[in-house]
Every structure is written in structure tokens, then in C-alpha cells.
N, C-alpha and C. Protein backbone atom coordinates (compact mmCIF):
# COMPACT_ATOMS: atom_id res chain seq x y z
N UNK A 1 -22.61 -14.49 64.73
CA UNK A 1 -22.47 -14.84 66.21
C UNK A 1 -23.82 -14.50 66.92
N UNK A 2 -24.47 -15.44 67.64
CA UNK A 2 -25.60 -15.22 68.43
C UNK A 2 -25.32 -14.28 69.49
N UNK A 3 -26.32 -13.72 70.09
CA UNK A 3 -26.14 -12.78 71.37
C UNK A 3 -25.45 -13.54 72.57
N UNK A 4 -25.97 -14.75 72.61
CA UNK A 4 -25.40 -15.55 73.81
C UNK A 4 -23.91 -15.79 73.57
N UNK A 5 -23.53 -16.10 72.34
CA UNK A 5 -22.06 -16.38 72.06
C UNK A 5 -21.24 -15.06 72.30
N UNK A 6 -21.86 -13.96 71.96
CA UNK A 6 -21.24 -12.74 72.02
C UNK A 6 -20.97 -12.44 73.62
N UNK A 7 -21.98 -12.71 74.32
CA UNK A 7 -21.76 -12.43 75.82
C UNK A 7 -20.85 -13.35 76.41
N UNK A 8 -20.75 -14.65 75.92
CA UNK A 8 -19.77 -15.64 76.45
C UNK A 8 -18.44 -15.30 76.05
N UNK A 9 -18.31 -14.71 74.93
CA UNK A 9 -16.77 -14.31 74.34
C UNK A 9 -16.43 -13.16 75.28
N UNK A 10 -17.25 -12.14 75.47
CA UNK A 10 -16.88 -10.97 76.51
C UNK A 10 -16.65 -11.49 77.78
N UNK A 11 -17.49 -12.30 78.29
CA UNK A 11 -17.31 -12.90 79.71
C UNK A 11 -15.92 -13.65 79.89
N UNK A 12 -15.67 -14.41 78.82
CA UNK A 12 -14.36 -15.18 78.83
C UNK A 12 -13.21 -14.09 78.83
N UNK A 13 -13.35 -13.17 77.94
CA UNK A 13 -12.26 -12.16 77.81
C UNK A 13 -11.94 -11.45 79.23
N UNK A 14 -13.05 -11.07 79.94
CA UNK A 14 -13.00 -10.51 81.20
C UNK A 14 -12.45 -11.38 82.24
N UNK A 15 -12.88 -12.72 82.32
CA UNK A 15 -12.14 -13.61 83.04
C UNK A 15 -10.74 -13.77 82.95
N UNK A 16 -10.30 -13.93 81.65
CA UNK A 16 -8.95 -14.02 81.39
C UNK A 16 -8.18 -12.90 81.86
N UNK A 17 -8.67 -11.63 81.67
CA UNK A 17 -7.89 -10.53 82.00
C UNK A 17 -7.83 -10.37 83.61
N UNK A 18 -8.95 -10.65 84.18
CA UNK A 18 -9.00 -10.71 85.77
C UNK A 18 -8.02 -11.64 86.37
N UNK A 19 -7.93 -12.90 85.78
CA UNK A 19 -7.00 -13.89 86.29
C UNK A 19 -5.49 -13.49 86.01
N UNK A 20 -5.32 -12.96 84.84
CA UNK A 20 -3.91 -12.52 84.47
C UNK A 20 -3.49 -11.28 85.29
N UNK A 21 -4.34 -10.46 85.47
CA UNK A 21 -4.05 -9.24 86.28
C UNK A 21 -3.71 -9.57 87.73
N UNK A 22 -4.59 -10.51 88.21
CA UNK A 22 -4.42 -10.99 89.50
C UNK A 22 -2.98 -11.66 89.82
N UNK A 23 -2.64 -12.33 88.83
CA UNK A 23 -1.23 -13.00 88.85
C UNK A 23 -0.14 -12.04 88.76
N UNK A 24 -0.45 -10.94 88.07
CA UNK A 24 0.67 -9.81 88.11
C UNK A 24 0.87 -9.30 89.47
N UNK A 25 -0.39 -9.14 90.23
CA UNK A 25 -0.09 -8.58 91.49
C UNK A 25 0.75 -9.30 92.45
N UNK A 26 0.85 -10.64 92.24
CA UNK A 26 1.60 -11.49 93.06
C UNK A 26 3.16 -11.28 92.52
N UNK A 27 3.73 -10.52 93.41
CA UNK A 27 4.98 -10.04 93.04
C UNK A 27 6.09 -11.23 93.14
N UNK A 28 5.61 -12.28 93.63
CA UNK A 28 6.58 -13.39 93.78
C UNK A 28 6.82 -14.07 92.35
N UNK A 29 5.96 -13.90 91.51
CA UNK A 29 6.20 -14.47 90.19
C UNK A 29 7.26 -13.90 89.60
N UNK A 30 8.21 -14.68 88.92
CA UNK A 30 9.37 -14.10 88.20
C UNK A 30 9.10 -13.17 87.08
N UNK A 31 9.78 -12.09 86.83
CA UNK A 31 9.52 -11.31 85.67
C UNK A 31 9.62 -12.07 84.34
N UNK A 32 10.43 -13.03 84.31
CA UNK A 32 10.42 -13.82 83.03
C UNK A 32 9.21 -14.49 82.72
N UNK A 33 8.44 -14.76 83.78
CA UNK A 33 7.12 -15.33 83.50
C UNK A 33 5.98 -14.21 83.34
N UNK A 34 6.06 -13.31 84.43
CA UNK A 34 4.96 -12.19 84.37
C UNK A 34 5.09 -11.18 83.30
N UNK A 35 6.22 -11.03 82.82
CA UNK A 35 6.33 -9.96 81.74
C UNK A 35 5.66 -10.33 80.38
N UNK A 36 5.93 -11.53 79.87
CA UNK A 36 5.20 -12.02 78.69
C UNK A 36 3.65 -12.09 78.97
N UNK A 37 3.35 -12.46 80.13
CA UNK A 37 1.91 -12.55 80.56
C UNK A 37 1.36 -11.17 80.57
N UNK A 38 2.06 -10.29 80.96
CA UNK A 38 1.56 -8.82 81.04
C UNK A 38 1.36 -8.22 79.47
N UNK A 39 2.28 -8.63 78.57
CA UNK A 39 2.13 -8.20 77.33
C UNK A 39 0.85 -8.85 76.74
N UNK A 40 0.61 -10.19 77.02
CA UNK A 40 -0.60 -10.82 76.47
C UNK A 40 -1.83 -10.13 77.00
N UNK A 41 -1.84 -9.74 78.37
CA UNK A 41 -3.07 -9.00 78.92
C UNK A 41 -3.27 -7.68 78.13
N UNK A 42 -2.24 -6.96 77.80
CA UNK A 42 -2.39 -5.70 77.18
C UNK A 42 -2.97 -6.11 75.58
N UNK A 43 -2.48 -7.03 74.96
CA UNK A 43 -3.02 -7.42 73.62
C UNK A 43 -4.49 -7.73 73.74
N UNK A 44 -4.80 -8.59 74.67
CA UNK A 44 -6.20 -9.10 74.84
C UNK A 44 -7.07 -7.89 75.18
N UNK A 45 -6.58 -6.90 76.01
CA UNK A 45 -7.52 -5.60 76.42
C UNK A 45 -7.70 -4.82 75.23
N UNK A 46 -6.64 -4.82 74.33
CA UNK A 46 -6.94 -3.91 73.05
C UNK A 46 -7.92 -4.52 72.15
N UNK A 47 -7.88 -5.81 71.95
CA UNK A 47 -8.69 -6.64 70.96
C UNK A 47 -10.06 -6.65 71.56
N UNK A 48 -10.35 -6.75 72.88
CA UNK A 48 -11.68 -6.88 73.44
C UNK A 48 -12.18 -5.51 73.71
N UNK A 49 -12.12 -4.69 72.64
CA UNK A 49 -12.84 -3.34 72.77
C UNK A 49 -14.26 -3.42 73.02
N UNK A 50 -14.86 -2.61 73.92
CA UNK A 50 -14.34 -1.32 74.65
C UNK A 50 -13.99 -1.75 76.00
N UNK A 51 -13.42 -2.91 76.21
CA UNK A 51 -13.06 -3.18 77.69
C UNK A 51 -11.97 -2.16 78.22
N UNK A 52 -12.33 -1.61 79.41
CA UNK A 52 -11.40 -0.56 79.96
C UNK A 52 -10.02 -1.00 80.41
N UNK A 53 -9.07 -0.66 79.70
CA UNK A 53 -7.71 -1.22 79.93
C UNK A 53 -6.76 -0.19 80.53
N UNK A 54 -7.08 1.06 80.64
CA UNK A 54 -6.21 2.07 81.07
C UNK A 54 -5.27 1.60 82.27
N UNK A 55 -6.06 1.23 83.51
CA UNK A 55 -5.29 0.85 84.55
C UNK A 55 -4.32 -0.34 84.49
N UNK A 56 -4.49 -1.17 83.41
CA UNK A 56 -3.71 -2.29 83.20
C UNK A 56 -2.23 -1.81 82.94
N UNK A 57 -2.16 -0.76 82.14
CA UNK A 57 -0.82 -0.14 81.85
C UNK A 57 -0.10 0.45 83.05
N UNK A 58 -0.91 1.13 83.85
CA UNK A 58 -0.32 1.79 85.04
C UNK A 58 0.07 0.64 86.06
N UNK A 59 -0.72 -0.42 86.03
CA UNK A 59 -0.40 -1.64 86.97
C UNK A 59 0.98 -2.20 86.65
N UNK A 60 1.19 -2.41 85.23
CA UNK A 60 2.43 -3.11 84.84
C UNK A 60 3.56 -2.01 85.06
N UNK A 61 3.30 -0.71 84.91
CA UNK A 61 4.37 0.33 85.10
C UNK A 61 4.79 0.22 86.67
N UNK A 62 3.87 0.17 87.47
CA UNK A 62 4.15 0.07 88.94
C UNK A 62 4.90 -1.20 89.23
N UNK A 63 4.46 -2.20 88.54
CA UNK A 63 5.14 -3.60 88.83
C UNK A 63 6.56 -3.63 88.18
N UNK A 64 6.84 -3.10 87.10
CA UNK A 64 8.18 -3.35 86.35
C UNK A 64 9.00 -2.13 86.41
N UNK A 65 8.50 -0.85 86.72
CA UNK A 65 9.30 0.26 86.60
C UNK A 65 9.14 0.89 85.14
N UNK A 66 9.64 2.20 84.99
CA UNK A 66 9.48 2.87 83.85
C UNK A 66 10.17 2.21 82.58
N UNK A 67 11.47 1.87 82.53
CA UNK A 67 12.21 1.41 81.45
C UNK A 67 11.90 0.02 81.12
N UNK A 68 11.42 -0.81 82.02
CA UNK A 68 11.05 -2.14 81.59
C UNK A 68 9.65 -2.29 81.05
N UNK A 69 8.71 -1.32 81.72
CA UNK A 69 7.24 -1.40 81.25
C UNK A 69 6.98 -0.71 80.05
N UNK A 70 7.84 0.36 79.71
CA UNK A 70 7.51 1.04 78.51
C UNK A 70 7.62 0.27 77.25
N UNK A 71 8.60 -0.51 76.90
CA UNK A 71 8.51 -1.38 75.69
C UNK A 71 7.46 -2.50 75.80
N UNK A 72 7.25 -3.11 76.88
CA UNK A 72 6.20 -4.02 77.06
C UNK A 72 4.84 -3.30 76.71
N UNK A 73 4.56 -2.31 77.17
CA UNK A 73 3.27 -1.58 76.94
C UNK A 73 3.04 -1.37 75.36
N UNK A 74 4.27 -0.76 74.83
CA UNK A 74 4.15 -0.45 73.37
C UNK A 74 4.16 -1.61 72.45
N UNK A 75 4.78 -2.77 72.87
CA UNK A 75 4.56 -4.00 72.06
C UNK A 75 3.18 -4.61 72.17
N UNK A 76 2.67 -4.61 73.42
CA UNK A 76 1.36 -5.20 73.61
C UNK A 76 0.35 -4.36 72.83
N UNK A 77 0.45 -2.99 72.89
CA UNK A 77 -0.60 -2.16 72.07
C UNK A 77 -0.35 -2.22 70.58
N UNK A 78 0.82 -2.32 70.20
CA UNK A 78 0.98 -2.50 68.80
C UNK A 78 0.48 -3.81 68.23
N UNK A 79 0.81 -4.83 68.89
CA UNK A 79 0.32 -6.22 68.42
C UNK A 79 -1.28 -6.29 68.51
N UNK A 80 -1.86 -5.80 69.66
CA UNK A 80 -3.30 -5.85 69.76
C UNK A 80 -4.10 -4.97 68.76
N UNK A 81 -3.52 -3.85 68.63
CA UNK A 81 -4.03 -2.85 67.58
C UNK A 81 -3.97 -3.46 66.20
N UNK A 82 -2.89 -4.02 65.85
CA UNK A 82 -2.68 -4.72 64.48
C UNK A 82 -3.83 -5.81 64.31
N UNK A 83 -3.83 -6.65 65.32
CA UNK A 83 -4.71 -7.75 65.16
C UNK A 83 -6.23 -7.33 65.22
N UNK A 84 -6.60 -6.31 65.99
CA UNK A 84 -7.96 -5.88 66.00
C UNK A 84 -8.29 -5.18 64.66
N UNK A 85 -7.31 -4.48 63.98
CA UNK A 85 -7.52 -3.77 62.82
C UNK A 85 -7.79 -4.82 61.74
N UNK A 86 -6.95 -5.89 61.50
CA UNK A 86 -7.10 -6.74 60.51
C UNK A 86 -8.31 -7.86 60.76
N UNK A 87 -8.63 -8.03 61.99
CA UNK A 87 -9.86 -8.88 62.27
C UNK A 87 -10.98 -8.04 61.80
N UNK A 88 -11.11 -6.79 62.07
CA UNK A 88 -12.24 -6.00 61.76
C UNK A 88 -12.39 -5.84 60.13
N UNK A 89 -11.26 -5.71 59.54
CA UNK A 89 -11.14 -5.62 58.14
C UNK A 89 -11.62 -6.97 57.34
N UNK A 90 -11.25 -7.98 57.92
CA UNK A 90 -11.46 -9.38 57.33
C UNK A 90 -12.79 -9.88 57.53
N UNK A 91 -13.26 -9.61 58.87
CA UNK A 91 -14.53 -10.40 59.22
C UNK A 91 -15.59 -9.32 59.67
N UNK A 92 -15.35 -8.13 59.63
CA UNK A 92 -16.19 -7.16 60.33
C UNK A 92 -16.07 -7.12 61.70
N UNK A 93 -17.02 -6.40 62.50
CA UNK A 93 -16.95 -6.35 63.88
C UNK A 93 -18.09 -6.44 64.65
N UNK A 94 -18.95 -7.60 64.48
CA UNK A 94 -20.16 -7.72 65.20
C UNK A 94 -20.13 -7.73 66.64
N UNK A 95 -18.91 -8.22 67.20
CA UNK A 95 -18.79 -8.30 68.63
C UNK A 95 -18.61 -6.87 69.17
N UNK A 96 -18.20 -6.11 68.45
CA UNK A 96 -18.04 -4.66 68.93
C UNK A 96 -19.06 -3.79 68.61
N UNK A 97 -19.71 -3.78 67.43
CA UNK A 97 -20.85 -2.98 67.13
C UNK A 97 -21.93 -2.87 68.00
N UNK A 98 -22.15 -3.91 68.74
CA UNK A 98 -23.44 -4.00 69.65
C UNK A 98 -22.93 -2.96 70.88
N UNK A 99 -21.67 -2.71 71.04
CA UNK A 99 -21.29 -1.84 72.22
C UNK A 99 -21.04 -0.40 71.85
N UNK A 100 -21.12 -0.07 70.56
CA UNK A 100 -20.90 1.32 70.15
C UNK A 100 -22.08 1.90 69.53
N UNK A 101 -22.53 3.07 70.17
CA UNK A 101 -23.67 3.78 69.76
C UNK A 101 -23.35 4.55 68.50
N UNK A 102 -24.39 4.96 67.77
CA UNK A 102 -24.27 5.62 66.58
C UNK A 102 -23.45 6.93 66.64
N UNK A 103 -23.75 7.57 67.93
CA UNK A 103 -23.11 8.87 68.15
C UNK A 103 -21.62 8.69 68.32
N UNK A 104 -21.26 7.67 69.04
CA UNK A 104 -19.88 7.35 69.34
C UNK A 104 -19.12 7.10 68.01
N UNK A 105 -19.78 6.19 67.17
CA UNK A 105 -19.17 5.82 65.91
C UNK A 105 -19.03 6.96 65.04
N UNK A 106 -19.99 7.90 64.97
CA UNK A 106 -19.95 9.05 64.12
C UNK A 106 -18.66 9.94 64.52
N UNK A 107 -18.45 10.10 65.76
CA UNK A 107 -17.36 10.83 66.35
C UNK A 107 -16.04 10.23 66.06
N UNK A 108 -15.88 8.90 66.09
CA UNK A 108 -14.65 8.25 65.68
C UNK A 108 -14.56 8.20 64.16
N UNK A 109 -15.47 8.07 63.36
CA UNK A 109 -15.51 8.18 61.87
C UNK A 109 -15.05 9.54 61.49
N UNK A 110 -15.36 10.51 62.23
CA UNK A 110 -14.89 11.94 61.85
C UNK A 110 -13.47 12.10 62.05
N UNK A 111 -12.89 11.39 63.11
CA UNK A 111 -11.45 11.26 63.22
C UNK A 111 -10.76 10.67 62.24
N UNK A 112 -11.18 9.66 61.75
CA UNK A 112 -10.58 8.68 60.78
C UNK A 112 -10.56 9.38 59.38
N UNK A 113 -11.57 10.19 59.19
CA UNK A 113 -11.79 10.85 57.89
C UNK A 113 -11.16 12.23 57.98
N UNK A 114 -10.59 12.69 59.09
CA UNK A 114 -10.01 14.08 59.24
C UNK A 114 -8.56 14.11 59.20
N UNK A 115 -7.82 15.10 59.74
CA UNK A 115 -6.47 15.37 59.60
C UNK A 115 -5.61 14.21 60.44
N UNK A 116 -4.55 13.68 59.69
CA UNK A 116 -3.88 12.66 60.26
C UNK A 116 -3.05 13.04 61.52
N UNK A 117 -2.79 14.35 61.62
CA UNK A 117 -2.11 14.78 62.78
C UNK A 117 -2.96 14.75 63.96
N UNK A 118 -4.31 14.96 63.79
CA UNK A 118 -5.22 14.96 64.85
C UNK A 118 -5.37 13.50 65.40
N UNK A 119 -5.50 12.66 64.32
CA UNK A 119 -5.54 11.21 64.74
C UNK A 119 -4.38 10.67 65.37
N UNK A 120 -3.05 11.22 64.96
CA UNK A 120 -1.88 10.88 65.85
C UNK A 120 -2.02 11.36 67.18
N UNK A 121 -2.54 12.55 67.48
CA UNK A 121 -2.59 13.07 68.78
C UNK A 121 -3.42 12.17 69.69
N UNK A 122 -4.63 11.69 69.09
CA UNK A 122 -5.51 10.76 69.87
C UNK A 122 -4.74 9.63 70.29
N UNK A 123 -3.92 9.03 69.48
CA UNK A 123 -3.30 7.87 69.84
C UNK A 123 -1.96 8.14 70.64
N UNK A 124 -1.54 9.37 70.67
CA UNK A 124 -0.25 9.71 71.45
C UNK A 124 -0.52 10.27 72.79
N UNK A 125 -1.65 10.83 73.07
CA UNK A 125 -2.08 11.21 74.31
C UNK A 125 -3.27 10.44 75.02
N UNK A 126 -2.90 10.05 76.26
CA UNK A 126 -3.89 9.12 77.00
C UNK A 126 -5.05 9.84 77.63
N UNK A 127 -5.80 10.50 76.69
CA UNK A 127 -6.88 11.24 77.17
C UNK A 127 -8.24 10.70 76.77
N UNK A 128 -8.19 9.77 75.82
CA UNK A 128 -9.42 9.20 75.38
C UNK A 128 -9.07 7.72 74.93
N UNK A 129 -10.09 6.73 75.05
CA UNK A 129 -9.77 5.42 74.67
C UNK A 129 -9.78 5.22 73.20
N UNK A 130 -8.90 4.29 72.61
CA UNK A 130 -8.66 4.19 71.17
C UNK A 130 -8.89 2.90 70.67
N UNK A 131 -9.23 1.92 71.66
CA UNK A 131 -9.30 0.59 71.14
C UNK A 131 -10.56 0.46 70.10
N UNK A 132 -11.69 1.14 70.44
CA UNK A 132 -12.86 1.08 69.46
C UNK A 132 -12.41 1.79 68.20
N UNK A 133 -11.64 2.92 68.23
CA UNK A 133 -11.14 3.60 67.11
C UNK A 133 -10.27 2.66 66.17
N UNK A 134 -9.55 1.76 66.77
CA UNK A 134 -8.64 0.81 65.91
C UNK A 134 -9.62 -0.15 65.20
N UNK A 135 -10.62 -0.66 65.94
CA UNK A 135 -11.57 -1.49 65.24
C UNK A 135 -12.21 -0.83 64.02
N UNK A 136 -12.78 0.35 64.30
CA UNK A 136 -13.51 1.21 63.25
C UNK A 136 -12.53 1.57 62.09
N UNK A 137 -11.41 1.60 62.42
CA UNK A 137 -10.31 1.92 61.32
C UNK A 137 -10.33 0.85 60.24
N UNK A 138 -10.43 -0.49 61.03
CA UNK A 138 -10.48 -1.72 60.06
C UNK A 138 -11.77 -1.78 59.22
N UNK A 139 -12.68 -0.95 59.59
CA UNK A 139 -13.93 -1.16 58.86
C UNK A 139 -14.04 0.14 57.92
N UNK A 140 -13.06 1.04 57.94
CA UNK A 140 -13.02 2.36 57.24
C UNK A 140 -12.22 2.08 55.87
N UNK A 141 -12.07 3.11 55.12
CA UNK A 141 -11.25 3.00 53.73
C UNK A 141 -9.95 3.32 53.97
N UNK A 142 -9.42 3.71 55.22
CA UNK A 142 -8.03 4.08 55.46
C UNK A 142 -7.29 2.86 55.21
N UNK A 143 -6.00 2.90 54.51
CA UNK A 143 -5.08 1.81 54.19
C UNK A 143 -4.55 1.50 55.49
N UNK A 144 -4.14 0.17 55.46
CA UNK A 144 -3.53 -0.44 56.69
C UNK A 144 -2.15 0.21 57.00
N UNK A 145 -1.46 0.41 56.05
CA UNK A 145 -0.10 1.00 56.27
C UNK A 145 -0.22 2.34 56.92
N UNK A 146 -1.20 3.23 56.33
CA UNK A 146 -1.28 4.70 56.83
C UNK A 146 -1.81 4.67 58.28
N UNK A 147 -2.71 3.80 58.73
CA UNK A 147 -3.31 3.71 59.96
C UNK A 147 -2.33 3.22 60.99
N UNK A 148 -1.72 2.06 60.65
CA UNK A 148 -0.72 1.50 61.50
C UNK A 148 0.50 2.32 61.91
N UNK A 149 1.00 3.23 60.84
CA UNK A 149 2.04 4.12 60.90
C UNK A 149 1.67 5.21 62.01
N UNK A 150 0.39 5.88 61.82
CA UNK A 150 -0.07 6.88 62.71
C UNK A 150 -0.26 6.18 64.10
N UNK A 151 -0.93 5.08 64.30
CA UNK A 151 -1.28 4.59 65.49
C UNK A 151 0.00 4.05 66.29
N UNK A 152 0.65 3.40 65.63
CA UNK A 152 1.96 2.66 66.38
C UNK A 152 3.07 3.60 66.74
N UNK A 153 3.05 4.74 65.90
CA UNK A 153 4.13 5.90 66.27
C UNK A 153 3.51 6.75 67.47
N UNK A 154 2.17 6.84 67.37
CA UNK A 154 1.52 7.63 68.51
C UNK A 154 1.72 6.82 69.78
N UNK A 155 1.69 5.53 69.69
CA UNK A 155 1.81 4.75 70.88
C UNK A 155 3.02 4.92 71.63
N UNK A 156 4.06 5.47 70.98
CA UNK A 156 5.44 5.53 71.69
C UNK A 156 5.15 6.58 72.80
N UNK A 157 4.57 7.68 72.39
CA UNK A 157 4.44 8.75 73.60
C UNK A 157 3.35 8.24 74.55
N UNK A 158 2.26 7.66 73.98
CA UNK A 158 1.19 7.27 74.99
C UNK A 158 1.82 6.25 75.99
N UNK A 159 2.32 5.25 75.63
CA UNK A 159 2.89 4.31 76.50
C UNK A 159 3.97 4.73 77.37
N UNK A 160 4.75 5.67 76.91
CA UNK A 160 5.65 6.33 77.67
C UNK A 160 5.12 7.12 78.91
N UNK A 161 4.01 7.79 78.50
CA UNK A 161 3.32 8.66 79.58
C UNK A 161 2.74 7.72 80.64
N UNK A 162 2.05 6.63 80.09
CA UNK A 162 1.56 5.69 81.20
C UNK A 162 2.54 4.97 82.00
N UNK A 163 3.77 4.56 81.38
CA UNK A 163 4.83 3.93 82.06
C UNK A 163 5.42 4.96 83.11
N UNK A 164 5.54 6.25 82.75
CA UNK A 164 5.88 7.20 83.73
C UNK A 164 5.09 7.38 84.90
N UNK A 165 3.82 7.47 84.58
CA UNK A 165 2.79 7.79 85.64
C UNK A 165 2.80 6.58 86.73
N UNK A 166 2.69 5.39 86.09
CA UNK A 166 2.48 4.21 87.04
C UNK A 166 3.78 3.95 87.81
N UNK A 167 4.93 4.18 87.17
CA UNK A 167 6.28 3.98 87.91
C UNK A 167 6.42 5.11 88.96
N UNK A 168 6.02 6.27 88.57
CA UNK A 168 6.27 7.45 89.54
C UNK A 168 5.26 7.19 90.90
N UNK A 169 4.06 6.63 90.59
CA UNK A 169 3.17 6.43 91.72
C UNK A 169 3.77 5.26 92.71
N UNK A 170 4.42 4.34 91.96
CA UNK A 170 5.18 3.29 92.67
C UNK A 170 6.22 3.91 93.53
N UNK A 171 6.92 4.71 92.99
CA UNK A 171 8.08 5.37 93.72
C UNK A 171 7.59 6.31 94.93
N UNK A 172 6.49 6.82 94.70
CA UNK A 172 5.96 7.80 95.71
C UNK A 172 5.27 6.93 96.87
N UNK A 173 4.45 5.90 96.55
CA UNK A 173 3.72 5.28 97.43
C UNK A 173 3.99 3.85 97.81
N UNK A 174 5.05 3.32 97.05
CA UNK A 174 5.50 2.02 97.22
C UNK A 174 4.76 1.09 96.17
N UNK A 175 5.54 0.11 95.80
CA UNK A 175 5.09 -0.84 94.62
C UNK A 175 3.73 -1.45 95.20
N UNK A 176 3.78 -2.05 96.27
CA UNK A 176 2.37 -2.75 96.80
C UNK A 176 1.24 -1.82 96.81
N UNK A 177 1.48 -0.64 97.45
CA UNK A 177 0.36 0.26 97.57
C UNK A 177 -0.13 0.84 96.21
N UNK A 178 0.81 1.13 95.36
CA UNK A 178 0.44 1.60 93.94
C UNK A 178 -0.25 0.48 93.19
N UNK A 179 0.12 -0.72 93.32
CA UNK A 179 -0.57 -1.80 92.59
C UNK A 179 -1.92 -2.07 93.20
N UNK A 180 -1.98 -1.82 94.46
CA UNK A 180 -3.39 -1.95 95.15
C UNK A 180 -4.33 -0.96 94.60
N UNK A 181 -3.89 0.31 94.57
CA UNK A 181 -4.81 1.44 94.10
C UNK A 181 -5.10 1.17 92.67
N UNK A 182 -4.12 0.93 91.82
CA UNK A 182 -4.49 0.84 90.41
C UNK A 182 -5.26 -0.51 90.18
N UNK A 183 -4.96 -1.53 90.96
CA UNK A 183 -5.74 -2.75 90.65
C UNK A 183 -7.32 -2.46 91.25
N UNK A 184 -7.50 -1.58 92.17
CA UNK A 184 -8.85 -1.27 92.65
C UNK A 184 -9.52 -0.55 91.64
N UNK A 185 -8.90 0.37 90.80
CA UNK A 185 -9.41 1.19 89.81
C UNK A 185 -9.77 0.31 88.61
N UNK A 186 -9.09 -0.69 88.46
CA UNK A 186 -9.18 -1.67 87.34
C UNK A 186 -10.38 -2.42 87.49
N UNK A 187 -10.70 -2.96 88.71
CA UNK A 187 -11.90 -3.62 89.04
C UNK A 187 -13.25 -2.81 89.07
N UNK A 188 -13.05 -1.60 89.54
CA UNK A 188 -14.16 -0.59 89.49
C UNK A 188 -14.47 -0.44 88.02
N UNK A 189 -13.53 -0.27 87.27
CA UNK A 189 -13.64 0.08 85.81
C UNK A 189 -14.47 -1.24 85.13
N UNK A 190 -14.20 -2.30 85.50
CA UNK A 190 -14.75 -3.51 84.92
C UNK A 190 -16.07 -3.62 85.40
N UNK A 191 -16.50 -3.35 86.57
CA UNK A 191 -17.81 -3.31 87.19
C UNK A 191 -18.68 -2.42 86.38
N UNK A 192 -18.20 -1.21 86.23
CA UNK A 192 -18.98 -0.14 85.55
C UNK A 192 -19.23 -0.59 84.09
N UNK A 193 -18.18 -1.06 83.48
CA UNK A 193 -18.26 -1.56 82.11
C UNK A 193 -19.29 -2.60 81.97
N UNK A 194 -19.24 -3.65 82.82
CA UNK A 194 -20.17 -4.72 82.68
C UNK A 194 -21.68 -4.19 83.02
N UNK A 195 -21.78 -3.31 83.94
CA UNK A 195 -23.13 -2.68 84.20
C UNK A 195 -23.68 -2.05 83.05
N UNK A 196 -22.90 -1.29 82.39
CA UNK A 196 -23.33 -0.38 81.22
C UNK A 196 -23.71 -1.30 80.08
N UNK A 197 -23.00 -2.52 79.97
CA UNK A 197 -23.38 -3.51 78.95
C UNK A 197 -24.78 -4.08 79.01
N UNK A 198 -25.25 -4.00 80.36
CA UNK A 198 -26.61 -4.53 80.43
C UNK A 198 -27.76 -3.68 80.05
N UNK A 199 -27.38 -2.38 79.97
CA UNK A 199 -28.30 -1.28 79.57
C UNK A 199 -28.37 -1.21 78.06
N UNK A 200 -29.54 -0.96 77.41
CA UNK A 200 -29.58 -0.87 76.16
C UNK A 200 -28.88 0.25 75.44
N UNK A 201 -28.19 0.07 74.26
CA UNK A 201 -27.34 1.26 73.80
C UNK A 201 -28.25 2.08 73.01
N UNK A 202 -28.24 3.29 73.05
CA UNK A 202 -28.97 4.33 72.30
C UNK A 202 -28.55 4.16 70.85
N UNK A 203 -29.45 4.40 69.85
CA UNK A 203 -29.12 4.21 68.53
C UNK A 203 -28.90 5.59 67.99
């Protein structure tokens, strides 16, 4: 894939996520329509690593509440991670490697080669991004069964925490205010991410 096509693919992904996230903010959309759309947004965010997607989960939690958003978040992350893993294993990851420095890749490779309990904690606690890690796992020697069991079981806790945080903010500040705050963070994250992509990555 040429550099131009890579940039177009990234730009298209960002546009799709922006449009879909904007539609979610419009609370007039019935949940029967917006809920599947939200799952699709989560799936795309996971696949288009390293797109910042943390605020997306909190946005959905503020919109749907804890019990409705938790399974939606888990399903989206599981589907997206599974697709990202097998795409990387089958085709490699040229679209991701341009965005990952050697230092970052070495750190994630150490996690994949280390203790499975540590890897599970990385996926279970929302303290570090894991989308790139899922792609690199597809490039590693780790079996698909082992990786997906660790990642997808860890997501149960990770998505539960995100659902609780987003829904709690909505209860405290109101759904509209909470979604405005989280949506603003999402836009800021996208701007920072796009700005960093214009800078040459250190080797």
C-alpha cells in the first residue's frame, strides 16, 4: 500500500468515526438504530489502531447507561480485536507499522513474550491502549486461541470499568453534559493524534 493510500485509509476511518460519534450524540435517534452503530464504531476504533478510542466507550456509557453499554462495549472490543489480530496474521500490518516506533513495539513485544497474567491485566485495566498490542499479537508467535482467551476475558473488566465511569458521569452531570464533555475529549484526542501523525516517527 502506497503512503498516499495509507493516509486515505486513515482519513476515511477518522471521518467514519466522527460521523458515527456525532450521530450518537443526537439522542433523538432510537436505540435500536444507534446501539448497533455504536458497536460498529467501537469495532472500527479497535481495528484502526492507534486511533484514540477511549472516549468512545465513555460516550456510549453516558448515552445508554451501565447495563446496556457494558455488553455493547465488550462485543465491539471482542469483534474488533479478533479482526485486527487475524488481519495482521494474514496480511501483516503495514498500515500500523508506520505509526509504531521501535521503542513502543519493543515494549509491547515484551508483554507478549512475558507472563500471561501481566498481559491479562493490561487488557483488563483501562490504563494503557491495547489496540496496537492486538495487532502486534497477530504478528507474534502467540497462538490465536491463547491470545483471544486472554484479551477477551480481560475486556470483561475493562469494559465494565468504562461503562461504570461513563454512566456515573451521566448520573452526576446529566446525560447531555456528560456526552458534551466526553465528545470534546474525543475531538481533542483526534486532533492530537492527527497532529502527531504528521511528525516523523523515531526509529
